[in-house]
C-alpha atoms as a PDB file:
ATOM      1  CA  UNK A   1      26.492  -4.875 -14.364  1.00  0.00           C
ATOM      2  CA  UNK A   2      23.963  -3.518 -11.355  1.00  0.00           C
ATOM      3  CA  UNK A   3      22.691  -0.268 -11.921  1.00  0.00           C
ATOM      4  CA  UNK A   4      20.811   1.607  -9.363  1.00  0.00           C
ATOM      5  CA  UNK A   5      17.021   2.312 -10.159  1.00  0.00           C
ATOM      6  CA  UNK A   6      15.593   5.733  -9.055  1.00  0.00           C
ATOM      7  CA  UNK A   7      11.747   4.936  -8.325  1.00  0.00           C
ATOM      8  CA  UNK A   8       8.767   6.823  -6.234  1.00  0.00           C
ATOM      9  CA  UNK A   9       7.845   6.015  -3.254  1.00  0.00           C
ATOM     10  CA  UNK A  10       5.628   3.000  -3.414  1.00  0.00           C
ATOM     11  CA  UNK A  11       1.663   3.644  -1.568  1.00  0.00           C
ATOM     12  CA  UNK A  12       2.218   1.609   2.604  1.00  0.00           C
ATOM     13  CA  UNK A  13      -1.242   0.551   2.677  1.00  0.00           C
ATOM     14  CA  UNK A  14      -1.262  -1.927  -0.834  1.00  0.00           C
ATOM     15  CA  UNK A  15       1.001  -4.501  -1.998  1.00  0.00           C
ATOM     16  CA  UNK A  16       3.681  -3.881  -3.721  1.00  0.00           C
ATOM     17  CA  UNK A  17       7.571  -4.385  -6.083  1.00  0.00           C
ATOM     18  CA  UNK A  18       9.985  -1.710  -6.115  1.00  0.00           C
ATOM     19  CA  UNK A  19      12.990  -2.795  -8.478  1.00  0.00           C
ATOM     20  CA  UNK A  20      15.856  -1.220  -6.943  1.00  0.00           C
ATOM     21  CA  UNK A  21      18.729  -2.142  -9.132  1.00  0.00           C
ATOM     22  CA  UNK A  22      18.342  -3.225 -12.873  1.00  0.00           C
ATOM     23  CA  UNK A  23      21.028  -5.988 -14.662  1.00  0.00           C
ATOM     24  CA  UNK A  24      22.927  -4.591 -17.564  1.00  0.00           C
ATOM     25  CA  UNK A  25      24.823  -6.967 -19.889  1.00  0.00           C
ATOM     26  CA  UNK A  26      28.281  -5.409 -20.213  1.00  0.00           C
ATOM     27  CA  UNK A  27      30.028  -8.266 -21.286  1.00  0.00           C
ATOM     28  CA  UNK A  28      29.347 -11.382 -23.542  1.00  0.00           C
ATOM     29  CA  UNK A  29      30.931 -14.110 -25.461  1.00  0.00           C
ATOM     30  CA  UNK A  30      30.074 -16.913 -27.328  1.00  0.00           C
ATOM     31  CA  UNK A  31      31.816 -19.887 -30.039  1.00  0.00           C
ATOM     32  CA  UNK A  32      30.541 -21.678 -32.584  1.00  0.00           C
ATOM     33  CA  UNK A  33      30.887 -25.127 -33.043  1.00  0.00           C
ATOM     34  CA  UNK A  34      29.796 -27.204 -35.737  1.00  0.00           C
ATOM     35  CA  UNK A  35      28.662 -30.276 -36.319  1.00  0.00           C
ATOM     36  CA  UNK A  36      32.322 -32.058 -37.413  1.00  0.00           C
ATOM     37  CA  UNK A  37      33.980 -30.638 -33.671  1.00  0.00           C
ATOM     38  CA  UNK A  38      36.034 -27.821 -35.536  1.00  0.00           C
ATOM     39  CA  UNK A  39      35.416 -24.747 -33.346  1.00  0.00           C
ATOM     40  CA  UNK A  40      35.683 -21.116 -33.656  1.00  0.00           C
ATOM     41  CA  UNK A  41      35.661 -18.976 -31.091  1.00  0.00           C
ATOM     42  CA  UNK A  42      35.773 -17.723 -28.048  1.00  0.00           C
ATOM     43  CA  UNK A  43      34.320 -14.395 -29.594  1.00  0.00           C
ATOM     44  CA  UNK A  44      34.152 -11.745 -26.570  1.00  0.00           C
ATOM     45  CA  UNK A  45      32.093  -8.385 -26.762  1.00  0.00           C
ATOM     46  CA  UNK A  46      32.846  -6.241 -24.664  1.00  0.00           C
ATOM     47  CA  UNK A  47      31.010  -2.522 -23.364  1.00  0.00           C
ATOM     48  CA  UNK A  48      28.557  -0.591 -22.840  1.00  0.00           C
ATOM     49  CA  UNK A  49      27.309  -1.112 -26.325  1.00  0.00           C
ATOM     50  CA  UNK A  50      28.255  -4.953 -25.977  1.00  0.00           C
ATOM     51  CA  UNK A  51      24.799  -6.667 -26.507  1.00  0.00           C
ATOM     52  CA  UNK A  52      24.912  -4.356 -29.910  1.00  0.00           C
ATOM     53  CA  UNK A  53      27.779  -5.603 -31.005  1.00  0.00           C
ATOM     54  CA  UNK A  54      26.871  -9.577 -29.695  1.00  0.00           C
ATOM     55  CA  UNK A  55      23.657  -9.147 -32.260  1.00  0.00           C
ATOM     56  CA  UNK A  56      25.263  -7.364 -35.254  1.00  0.00           C
ATOM     57  CA  UNK A  57      28.463 -10.300 -35.236  1.00  0.00           C
ATOM     58  CA  UNK A  58      25.927 -13.125 -35.016  1.00  0.00           C
ATOM     59  CA  UNK A  59      23.972 -12.343 -37.823  1.00  0.00           C
ATOM     60  CA  UNK A  60      26.935 -12.270 -39.652  1.00  0.00           C
ATOM     61  CA  UNK A  61      27.681 -15.680 -38.857  1.00  0.00           C
ATOM     62  CA  UNK A  62      24.285 -16.550 -39.223  1.00  0.00           C
ATOM     63  CA  UNK A  63      25.133 -15.559 -43.130  1.00  0.00           C
ATOM     64  CA  UNK A  64      28.922 -16.504 -43.425  1.00  0.00           C
ATOM     65  CA  UNK A  65      27.371 -20.183 -42.177  1.00  0.00           C
ATOM     66  CA  UNK A  66      24.508 -20.029 -44.474  1.00  0.00           C
ATOM     67  CA  UNK A  67      26.754 -19.998 -46.940  1.00  0.00           C
ATOM     68  CA  UNK A  68      29.076 -22.428 -46.162  1.00  0.00           C
ATOM     69  CA  UNK A  69      25.939 -24.392 -46.018  1.00  0.00           C
ATOM     70  CA  UNK A  70      24.968 -23.913 -49.390  1.00  0.00           C
ATOM     71  CA  UNK A  71      27.974 -25.040 -50.709  1.00  0.00           C
ATOM     72  CA  UNK A  72      26.923 -29.268 -50.431  1.00  0.00           C
ATOM     73  CA  UNK A  73      30.127 -31.361 -50.696  1.00  0.00           C
ATOM     74  CA  UNK A  74      29.679 -35.337 -50.772  1.00  0.00           C
ATOM     75  CA  UNK A  75      28.859 -37.179 -47.799  1.00  0.00           C
ATOM     76  CA  UNK A  76      32.415 -39.479 -48.175  1.00  0.00           C
ATOM     77  CA  UNK A  77      31.897 -42.846 -46.111  1.00  0.00           C
ATOM     78  CA  UNK A  78      34.173 -45.879 -45.802  1.00  0.00           C
ATOM     79  CA  UNK A  79      33.252 -49.250 -45.461  1.00  0.00           C
ATOM     80  CA  UNK A  80      33.467 -48.977 -42.248  1.00  0.00           C
ATOM     81  CA  UNK A  81      31.345 -46.043 -41.501  1.00  0.00           C
ATOM     82  CA  UNK A  82      28.440 -47.210 -43.561  1.00  0.00           C
ATOM     83  CA  UNK A  83      28.319 -51.138 -41.581  1.00  0.00           C
ATOM     84  CA  UNK A  84      28.674 -48.829 -38.162  1.00  0.00           C
ATOM     85  CA  UNK A  85      25.821 -46.043 -39.507  1.00  0.00           C
ATOM     86  CA  UNK A  86      23.784 -49.111 -40.466  1.00  0.00           C
ATOM     87  CA  UNK A  87      23.683 -50.945 -36.748  1.00  0.00           C
ATOM     88  CA  UNK A  88      22.832 -47.073 -35.581  1.00  0.00           C
ATOM     89  CA  UNK A  89      19.888 -46.902 -37.665  1.00  0.00           C
ATOM     90  CA  UNK A  90      18.441 -50.053 -36.219  1.00  0.00           C
ATOM     91  CA  UNK A  91      18.715 -49.681 -32.941  1.00  0.00           C
ATOM     92  CA  UNK A  92      15.185 -49.736 -31.284  1.00  0.00           C
ATOM     93  CA  UNK A  93      14.382 -45.604 -30.036  1.00  0.00           C
ATOM     94  CA  UNK A  94      14.331 -45.790 -26.106  1.00  0.00           C
END
């Protein structure tokens, strides 16, 4: 959203920049995509306090993700997965 800014008269004999409008975030959205492709969202934040709500949500999401990552699970790989992984690791970097 653009909001008009009231300002003073700029000097006539100097170079100047006049700010006439200010961008105000009114709507934000985000989605979370896990490494396994599972998605959460989109989550939309609207209104005058959209930035505050967005930041509060992101911090809560971070806490949830960190807690989830703390619960380590063993990596389950089939024989085919291991062979593919070995081939990929042996490819030269470009």
